[in-house]
Amino acid sequence: MTSNEIKTLDKQHVMQTYGRFDAVIERGEGATLYSPEGKVYIDFTSGIGVNSIGYGNKKWVEAITNQAMKLQHISNLYCSQPYAELAKQLTMRTGMSNVFFSNAGGEANEGMIKLARKYSFDKYGKGRSTIITLVQSFHGRTITTLAATGQDVFHNYFFPFTEGFKHVTANDLSALDAQLTDDVCAIMIELIQGEGGVLPLCQDYVQAVAKICNAKDILLLVDEIQTGVGRTGTLFAFEQYGIMPDVISFAKGIAGGLPMGGIIAGGKCSAVLTPGTHATTFGGNPVAAAGALEVLRQLDEEALKEVSKKGAYITETIKSWNKPTVGEIRGKGLMIGISLNNLVPKDIAAACIEEGLLIITAGTDALRMLPPLTITYDEIDKGLAILKGMI
């Protein structure tokens, strides 16, 4: 089918819930994508951080193909090897205790919220269920995770929301302290607010929040949906902040392009969710788990160091342009935000597509880069050359 035929099908038969850019993608290799007509795009998005080890990764394709030939799905009422091996890898590499598998990020955060409230209910009884999140946060599109999200732009239309959330300004301990009432059971943060504008939290602030949580037996929940799975140069971003969360959520890049998410709990939270208190049909799917095992195998220490090096290379290259339209460059590893002066990010992203670069926006003022972690320097240079001409 041609690009125009595909776009016509989309408009006729798909709910128009996405403000799609004018691009149709048929296939990819590495960090390079192709339209049905053969137009070439350098991909600085990786499906919004999902295709972590690139397109056409032969070992990943082999892993999911072999698993699909053996067992594509089995009920969670029974055990199977792939998810169990994956849980072992995740706990060993994080130093945490156990895993619950889900399908995507919003669902993972729902599970993390449920765990926090049950932990507090089990220990303290009713009335201690409020969760504090941050202004400019984004935690998902379900009714409950929208309530947790600290951005008003996402809150219209869907009232009433789930109760029990308070939002405070990031990096402001006095604002947090003012909301630490006796009904608080958890504080939930993104270490880099991706949708909010690629806004890293200050390390001193994060460590202070961790100390407060420990002192008050409030759970520290870290949403690593976008920052996890090597995106920032370590397997999870919390490793760079000198903290050990009580629970983290993950999704996006974990299975290399297949739907998978979940939460990882530390020791004191490992036994909170018991039989019947939480479940999901497709959680720990064998094919997705096989893909995730291959992703983790490829994201060894050397590969993670390369993520940091590539991120630094991109940042320094953009700084060297000395363009007045470029403001702050922020982020970690290959999660990079570029604030723009006197330019509209969405317009720039659309113009980049015309020239063969996929890039997305974040917040109100920034372009966002989330390329495959395996992107080559040649692909980086080609993409940056296009971006330089647009800004």
Protein backbone atom coordinates (compact mmCIF):
# COMPACT_ATOMS: atom_id res chain seq x y z
CA MET A 1 0.00 0.00 0.00
CA THR A 2 1.10 3.58 -0.57
CA SER A 3 1.48 6.14 2.18
CA ASN A 4 -1.64 7.97 1.02
CA GLU A 5 -3.69 4.75 1.02
CA ILE A 6 -2.58 3.97 4.56
CA LYS A 7 -3.40 7.49 5.77
CA THR A 8 -6.84 7.22 4.18
CA LEU A 9 -7.50 3.93 6.01
CA ASP A 10 -6.42 5.56 9.26
CA LYS A 11 -8.82 8.47 8.85
CA GLN A 12 -11.72 6.24 7.84
CA HIS A 13 -11.41 3.47 10.42
CA VAL A 14 -9.26 4.62 13.38
CA MET A 15 -10.36 6.93 16.20
CA GLN A 16 -8.50 10.18 15.66
CA THR A 17 -7.00 10.43 19.14
CA TYR A 18 -3.47 11.21 17.97
CA GLY A 19 -2.17 14.38 16.37
CA ARG A 20 -0.14 12.36 13.90
CA PHE A 21 2.74 13.86 11.94
CA ASP A 22 2.74 13.43 8.18
CA ALA A 23 4.85 10.29 7.97
CA VAL A 24 4.09 6.64 7.23
CA ILE A 25 6.66 4.05 8.28
CA GLU A 26 6.96 0.62 6.72
CA ARG A 27 10.24 -0.83 7.98
CA GLY A 28 13.46 -0.01 9.77
CA GLU A 29 17.06 -1.02 10.30
CA GLY A 30 19.15 0.20 13.21
CA ALA A 31 17.93 3.75 13.81
CA THR A 32 16.93 4.33 10.18
CA LEU A 33 13.33 4.05 8.98
CA TYR A 34 11.72 3.87 5.55
CA SER A 35 8.34 4.84 4.15
CA PRO A 36 6.48 2.55 1.69
CA GLU A 37 7.92 4.71 -1.11
CA GLY A 38 11.45 4.40 0.25
CA LYS A 39 11.83 7.81 1.90
CA VAL A 40 14.56 7.61 4.55
CA TYR A 41 14.18 8.90 8.11
CA ILE A 42 16.71 9.02 10.92
CA ASP A 43 14.80 8.10 14.06
CA PHE A 44 15.44 10.18 17.17
CA THR A 45 12.25 8.83 18.83
CA SER A 46 12.38 4.99 18.94
CA GLY A 47 8.60 4.85 19.22
CA ILE A 48 8.79 7.25 22.22
CA GLY A 49 11.55 5.29 23.89
CA VAL A 50 10.26 1.80 23.09
CA ASN A 51 12.52 0.36 20.38
CA SER A 52 15.49 0.37 22.71
CA ILE A 53 17.82 -1.84 20.65
CA GLY A 54 16.75 -0.53 17.26
CA TYR A 55 14.95 -1.98 14.28
CA GLY A 56 15.68 -5.31 12.63
CA ASN A 57 17.84 -6.47 15.55
CA LYS A 58 18.54 -10.02 14.44
CA LYS A 59 19.19 -11.56 17.85
CA TRP A 60 16.03 -9.98 19.26
CA VAL A 61 13.98 -11.24 16.30
CA GLU A 62 15.45 -14.71 16.76
CA ALA A 63 14.62 -14.70 20.49
CA ILE A 64 10.95 -13.79 20.05
CA THR A 65 10.55 -16.08 17.02
CA ASN A 66 11.94 -19.10 18.86
CA GLN A 67 9.69 -18.40 21.84
CA ALA A 68 6.60 -17.89 19.65
CA MET A 69 7.20 -21.31 18.10
CA LYS A 70 7.20 -22.88 21.57
CA LEU A 71 4.59 -20.96 23.59
CA GLN A 72 3.03 -17.61 22.73
CA HIS A 73 0.91 -17.24 25.86
CA ILE A 74 -0.10 -19.13 28.98
CA SER A 75 -2.33 -18.11 31.87
CA ASN A 76 -0.65 -16.66 34.95
CA LEU A 77 -2.31 -19.51 36.84
CA TYR A 78 0.65 -21.56 35.60
CA CYS A 79 4.42 -20.99 35.50
CA SER A 80 6.63 -20.59 32.45
CA GLN A 81 10.36 -20.03 32.09
CA PRO A 82 10.76 -16.67 30.23
CA TYR A 83 9.09 -14.35 32.75
CA ALA A 84 10.76 -16.14 35.68
CA GLU A 85 14.20 -15.68 34.12
CA LEU A 86 13.39 -12.06 33.33
CA ALA A 87 12.32 -11.37 36.91
CA LYS A 88 15.60 -12.86 38.13
CA GLN A 89 17.60 -10.58 35.83
CA LEU A 90 15.69 -7.49 36.91
CA THR A 91 16.03 -8.18 40.62
CA MET A 92 19.70 -9.09 40.35
CA ARG A 93 20.55 -5.96 38.36
CA THR A 94 18.56 -3.58 40.58
CA GLY A 95 19.21 -5.12 44.00
CA MET A 96 15.46 -5.25 44.60
CA SER A 97 13.28 -8.21 45.60
CA ASN A 98 10.55 -9.21 43.14
CA VAL A 99 8.57 -8.22 40.07
CA PHE A 100 4.97 -7.92 38.91
CA PHE A 101 4.57 -7.89 35.11
CA SER A 102 1.96 -5.84 33.27
CA ASN A 103 1.42 -4.65 29.69
CA ALA A 104 2.35 -0.95 29.60
CA GLY A 105 3.38 2.05 31.64
CA GLY A 106 0.00 3.31 32.81
CA GLU A 107 -0.94 -0.14 34.03
CA ALA A 108 2.43 -0.48 35.76
CA ASN A 109 1.87 2.77 37.64
CA GLU A 110 -1.64 1.62 38.59
CA GLY A 111 -0.05 -1.45 40.16
CA MET A 112 2.50 0.68 42.00
CA ILE A 113 -0.28 2.90 43.38
CA LYS A 114 -2.29 -0.14 44.51
CA LEU A 115 0.77 -1.63 46.22
CA ALA A 116 1.47 1.62 48.10
CA ARG A 117 -2.08 1.92 49.37
CA LYS A 118 -2.26 -1.73 50.40
CA TYR A 119 1.09 -1.48 52.20
CA SER A 120 -0.25 1.39 54.27
CA PHE A 121 -3.66 -0.24 54.81
CA ASP A 122 -2.06 -3.49 56.00
CA LYS A 123 0.17 -1.66 58.46
CA TYR A 124 -1.88 1.35 59.56
CA GLY A 125 -5.48 0.69 58.52
CA LYS A 126 -7.85 3.01 56.67
CA GLY A 127 -7.26 6.71 56.17
CA ARG A 128 -3.60 6.67 55.08
CA SER A 129 -3.88 6.49 51.29
CA THR A 130 -2.84 9.88 49.83
CA ILE A 131 0.00 9.91 47.32
CA ILE A 132 2.04 13.05 46.61
CA THR A 133 3.26 13.58 43.03
CA LEU A 134 4.97 16.49 41.32
CA VAL A 135 3.75 19.36 39.18
CA GLN A 136 4.74 18.71 35.53
CA SER A 137 4.70 14.95 36.13
CA PHE A 138 3.10 12.44 33.78
CA HIS A 139 2.11 8.97 34.99
CA GLY A 140 -0.37 7.62 32.43
CA ARG A 141 -3.73 7.90 30.70
CA THR A 142 -6.01 5.84 32.94
CA ILE A 143 -8.37 7.70 35.25
CA THR A 144 -6.18 7.01 38.28
CA THR A 145 -2.84 7.77 36.63
CA LEU A 146 -4.31 10.95 35.16
CA ALA A 147 -5.23 11.93 38.71
CA ALA A 148 -1.61 11.27 39.68
CA THR A 149 -0.34 13.37 36.75
CA GLY A 150 0.53 16.92 37.75
CA GLN A 151 -0.41 18.69 34.51
CA ASP A 152 -3.78 20.42 34.14
CA VAL A 153 -3.69 20.03 30.36
CA PHE A 154 -4.47 16.32 30.79
CA HIS A 155 -7.28 16.80 33.31
CA ASN A 156 -10.14 18.15 31.21
CA TYR A 157 -13.19 16.09 30.18
CA PHE A 158 -12.72 13.02 32.39
CA PHE A 159 -14.08 14.09 35.77
CA PRO A 160 -14.47 12.79 38.41
CA PHE A 161 -10.96 11.49 38.96
CA THR A 162 -9.76 8.98 41.52
CA GLU A 163 -9.27 10.72 44.85
CA GLY A 164 -6.15 10.69 46.98
CA PHE A 165 -3.48 12.65 45.10
CA LYS A 166 -1.72 15.92 45.89
CA HIS A 167 0.71 17.73 43.57
CA VAL A 168 3.70 19.75 44.74
CA THR A 169 6.35 21.74 42.88
CA ALA A 170 9.49 19.75 42.04
CA ASN A 171 12.76 20.52 43.85
CA ASP A 172 10.92 22.47 46.58
CA LEU A 173 11.23 20.74 49.95
CA SER A 174 9.17 23.37 51.76
CA ALA A 175 6.25 22.77 49.38
CA LEU A 176 6.56 19.05 49.99
CA ASP A 177 6.75 19.48 53.76
CA ALA A 178 3.54 21.51 53.74
CA GLN A 179 1.67 18.57 52.21
CA LEU A 180 3.11 15.81 54.43
CA THR A 181 -0.05 15.23 56.39
CA ASP A 182 -0.80 12.06 58.34
CA ASP A 183 -2.83 10.58 55.47
CA VAL A 184 0.17 10.35 53.08
CA CYS A 185 1.29 6.82 52.22
CA ALA A 186 3.70 7.48 49.33
CA ILE A 187 5.60 10.01 47.25
CA MET A 188 5.72 9.24 43.52
CA ILE A 189 8.32 10.88 41.26
CA GLU A 190 9.91 10.74 37.83
CA LEU A 191 13.63 11.43 38.14
CA ILE A 192 13.44 13.13 34.75
CA GLN A 193 10.01 14.50 33.88
CA GLY A 194 9.80 13.39 30.26
CA GLU A 195 6.42 14.61 29.07
CA GLY A 196 6.79 17.67 31.28
CA GLY A 197 9.77 18.91 29.25
CA VAL A 198 12.72 16.57 29.98
CA LEU A 199 13.25 18.10 33.41
CA PRO A 200 15.75 16.28 35.67
CA LEU A 201 15.17 16.50 39.40
CA CYS A 202 18.01 17.85 41.54
CA GLN A 203 19.98 15.08 43.24
CA ASP A 204 19.95 16.80 46.64
CA TYR A 205 16.17 17.08 46.46
CA VAL A 206 15.73 13.42 45.54
CA GLN A 207 17.99 12.27 48.34
CA ALA A 208 16.15 14.48 50.82
CA VAL A 209 12.81 13.01 49.68
CA ALA A 210 14.22 9.52 50.16
CA LYS A 211 15.28 10.37 53.73
CA ILE A 212 11.83 11.80 54.52
CA CYS A 213 10.16 8.67 53.18
CA ASN A 214 12.41 6.41 55.23
CA ALA A 215 11.86 8.40 58.42
CA LYS A 216 8.06 8.50 58.09
CA ASP A 217 7.55 5.02 56.59
CA ILE A 218 6.18 6.64 53.45
CA LEU A 219 6.91 4.63 50.31
CA LEU A 220 9.18 6.16 47.69
CA LEU A 221 7.76 5.26 44.27
CA VAL A 222 9.90 6.00 41.21
CA ASP A 223 8.25 6.05 37.81
CA GLU A 224 10.96 4.76 35.46
CA ILE A 225 8.66 4.19 32.48
CA GLN A 226 10.67 6.55 30.28
CA THR A 227 13.97 6.77 32.18
CA GLY A 228 14.46 3.03 32.64
CA VAL A 229 16.04 0.22 30.63
CA GLY A 230 19.31 2.01 29.88
CA ARG A 231 17.77 5.25 28.59
CA THR A 232 19.83 7.51 30.88
CA GLY A 233 23.09 5.52 30.80
CA THR A 234 22.36 3.17 33.69
CA LEU A 235 19.83 0.37 33.66
CA PHE A 236 17.54 2.56 35.79
CA ALA A 237 17.95 6.26 36.49
CA PHE A 238 17.67 5.86 40.29
CA GLU A 239 21.17 4.35 40.24
CA GLN A 240 22.55 7.81 39.41
CA TYR A 241 20.76 9.51 42.32
CA GLY A 242 22.20 7.51 45.21
CA ILE A 243 18.84 6.20 46.41
CA MET A 244 17.04 2.86 46.71
CA PRO A 245 13.32 3.25 45.98
CA ASP A 246 10.70 1.08 47.61
CA VAL A 247 9.06 0.40 44.23
CA ILE A 248 9.88 1.33 40.65
CA SER A 249 7.75 1.03 37.53
CA PHE A 250 9.09 0.16 34.08
CA ALA A 251 7.75 -0.30 30.54
CA LYS A 252 8.59 1.29 27.14
CA GLY A 253 12.03 -0.08 26.19
CA ILE A 254 12.00 -3.26 28.28
CA ALA A 255 10.86 -5.66 25.55
CA GLY A 256 12.40 -3.85 22.59
CA GLY A 257 9.11 -3.06 20.86
CA LEU A 258 6.63 -5.53 22.34
CA PRO A 259 4.06 -4.47 24.96
CA MET A 260 5.40 -5.05 28.46
CA GLY A 261 5.59 -3.19 31.74
CA GLY A 262 5.70 -3.88 35.43
CA ILE A 263 6.89 -2.93 38.87
CA ILE A 264 9.89 -4.02 40.93
CA ALA A 265 9.52 -3.98 44.70
CA GLY A 266 12.14 -3.69 47.40
CA GLY A 267 12.27 -5.92 50.46
CA LYS A 268 9.65 -4.31 52.68
CA CYS A 269 7.14 -4.23 49.80
CA SER A 270 7.83 -7.68 48.37
CA ALA A 271 4.90 -9.44 50.08
CA VAL A 272 2.26 -6.71 49.84
CA LEU A 273 0.45 -7.94 46.72
CA THR A 274 -0.96 -11.36 47.54
CA PRO A 275 -3.07 -13.84 45.51
CA GLY A 276 -6.24 -12.14 44.31
CA THR A 277 -5.15 -8.55 45.08
CA HIS A 278 -3.71 -7.77 41.64
CA ALA A 279 -3.59 -9.47 38.23
CA THR A 280 -3.51 -8.95 34.47
CA THR A 281 -4.13 -11.45 31.69
CA PHE A 282 -1.13 -10.70 29.49
CA GLY A 283 1.41 -9.82 32.19
CA GLY A 284 4.68 -11.71 31.75
CA ASN A 285 3.72 -12.89 28.25
CA PRO A 286 6.36 -15.45 27.14
CA VAL A 287 7.15 -13.79 23.79
CA ALA A 288 7.48 -10.32 25.32
CA ALA A 289 9.59 -11.77 28.13
CA ALA A 290 11.90 -13.46 25.62
CA GLY A 291 12.32 -10.12 23.87
CA ALA A 292 13.05 -8.41 27.18
CA LEU A 293 15.68 -10.99 28.10
CA GLU A 294 17.48 -10.23 24.84
CA VAL A 295 17.23 -6.49 25.48
CA LEU A 296 18.84 -6.93 28.90
CA ARG A 297 21.50 -9.22 27.46
CA GLN A 298 22.50 -6.55 24.95
CA LEU A 299 22.39 -3.72 27.50
CA ASP A 300 25.53 -4.79 29.34
CA GLU A 301 27.84 -2.36 31.14
CA GLU A 302 29.75 -1.48 27.98
CA ALA A 303 26.55 -0.72 26.07
CA LEU A 304 25.29 1.47 28.92
CA LYS A 305 28.56 3.43 28.93
CA GLU A 306 28.07 4.00 25.20
CA VAL A 307 24.61 5.45 25.89
CA SER A 308 26.20 8.09 28.12
CA LYS A 309 28.93 8.79 25.56
CA LYS A 310 26.43 9.21 22.73
CA GLY A 311 24.30 11.52 24.84
CA ALA A 312 27.31 13.67 25.67
CA TYR A 313 28.29 13.74 21.99
CA ILE A 314 24.84 14.94 20.94
CA THR A 315 24.76 17.60 23.67
CA GLU A 316 28.22 18.96 22.90
CA THR A 317 27.54 19.00 19.16
CA ILE A 318 24.35 21.04 19.61
CA LYS A 319 26.13 23.44 21.99
CA SER A 320 28.87 23.96 19.41
CA TRP A 321 26.33 25.40 16.95
CA ASN A 322 25.99 28.52 19.16
CA LYS A 323 22.48 29.11 17.86
CA PRO A 324 20.41 31.80 19.63
CA THR A 325 17.30 29.68 19.01
CA VAL A 326 18.73 26.93 21.24
CA GLY A 327 18.13 27.40 24.94
CA GLU A 328 18.82 24.87 27.67
CA ILE A 329 19.88 21.34 26.77
CA ARG A 330 18.85 18.96 29.53
CA GLY A 331 18.51 15.29 30.36
CA LYS A 332 20.75 12.28 30.83
CA GLY A 333 22.13 9.70 28.42
CA LEU A 334 19.90 9.40 25.35
CA MET A 335 16.98 11.21 26.95
CA ILE A 336 17.64 14.76 25.79
CA GLY A 337 15.48 17.86 25.76
CA ILE A 338 16.31 21.03 23.82
CA SER A 339 14.40 24.14 24.81
CA LEU A 340 13.79 26.49 21.89
CA ASN A 341 13.77 30.30 21.85
CA ASN A 342 11.14 31.95 19.63
CA LEU A 343 10.35 28.70 17.80
CA VAL A 344 7.35 26.38 18.11
CA PRO A 345 8.61 22.83 18.87
CA LYS A 346 5.80 21.06 17.03
CA ASP A 347 6.40 23.15 13.91
CA ILE A 348 10.10 22.31 14.01
CA ALA A 349 9.34 18.60 14.49
CA ALA A 350 7.04 18.69 11.45
CA ALA A 351 9.68 20.48 9.38
CA CYS A 352 12.30 17.90 10.40
CA ILE A 353 10.06 15.11 9.09
CA GLU A 354 10.04 16.73 5.65
CA GLU A 355 13.84 16.59 5.65
CA GLY A 356 14.07 13.03 6.98
CA LEU A 357 14.34 13.26 10.78
CA LEU A 358 11.84 11.99 13.34
CA ILE A 359 11.93 14.01 16.55
CA ILE A 360 9.21 14.73 19.11
CA THR A 361 8.28 17.45 21.57
CA ALA A 362 8.08 17.71 25.36
CA GLY A 363 6.32 20.24 27.54
CA THR A 364 5.64 23.63 25.98
CA ASP A 365 9.10 24.69 24.80
CA ALA A 366 11.23 21.67 23.99
CA LEU A 367 12.17 19.12 21.39
CA ARG A 368 12.80 15.65 22.79
CA MET A 369 15.29 13.02 21.64
CA LEU A 370 14.81 9.36 22.58
CA PRO A 371 16.71 7.50 19.84
CA PRO A 372 17.36 3.76 19.89
CA LEU A 373 20.16 3.12 22.37
CA THR A 374 22.03 1.31 19.61
CA ILE A 375 22.02 4.32 17.24
CA THR A 376 25.33 4.70 15.41
CA TYR A 377 27.41 7.86 15.31
CA ASP A 378 26.82 8.05 11.58
CA GLU A 379 23.06 8.06 12.18
CA ILE A 380 23.49 10.64 14.93
CA ASP A 381 25.47 12.92 12.62
CA LYS A 382 22.90 12.61 9.83
CA GLY A 383 20.06 13.43 12.20
CA LEU A 384 21.87 16.37 13.80
CA ALA A 385 22.72 17.82 10.39
CA ILE A 386 19.00 17.93 9.59
CA LEU A 387 18.14 19.41 12.98
CA LYS A 388 20.80 22.10 12.64
CA GLY A 389 19.22 23.28 9.42
CA MET A 390 15.76 23.49 11.02
CA ILE A 391 16.63 25.51 14.13
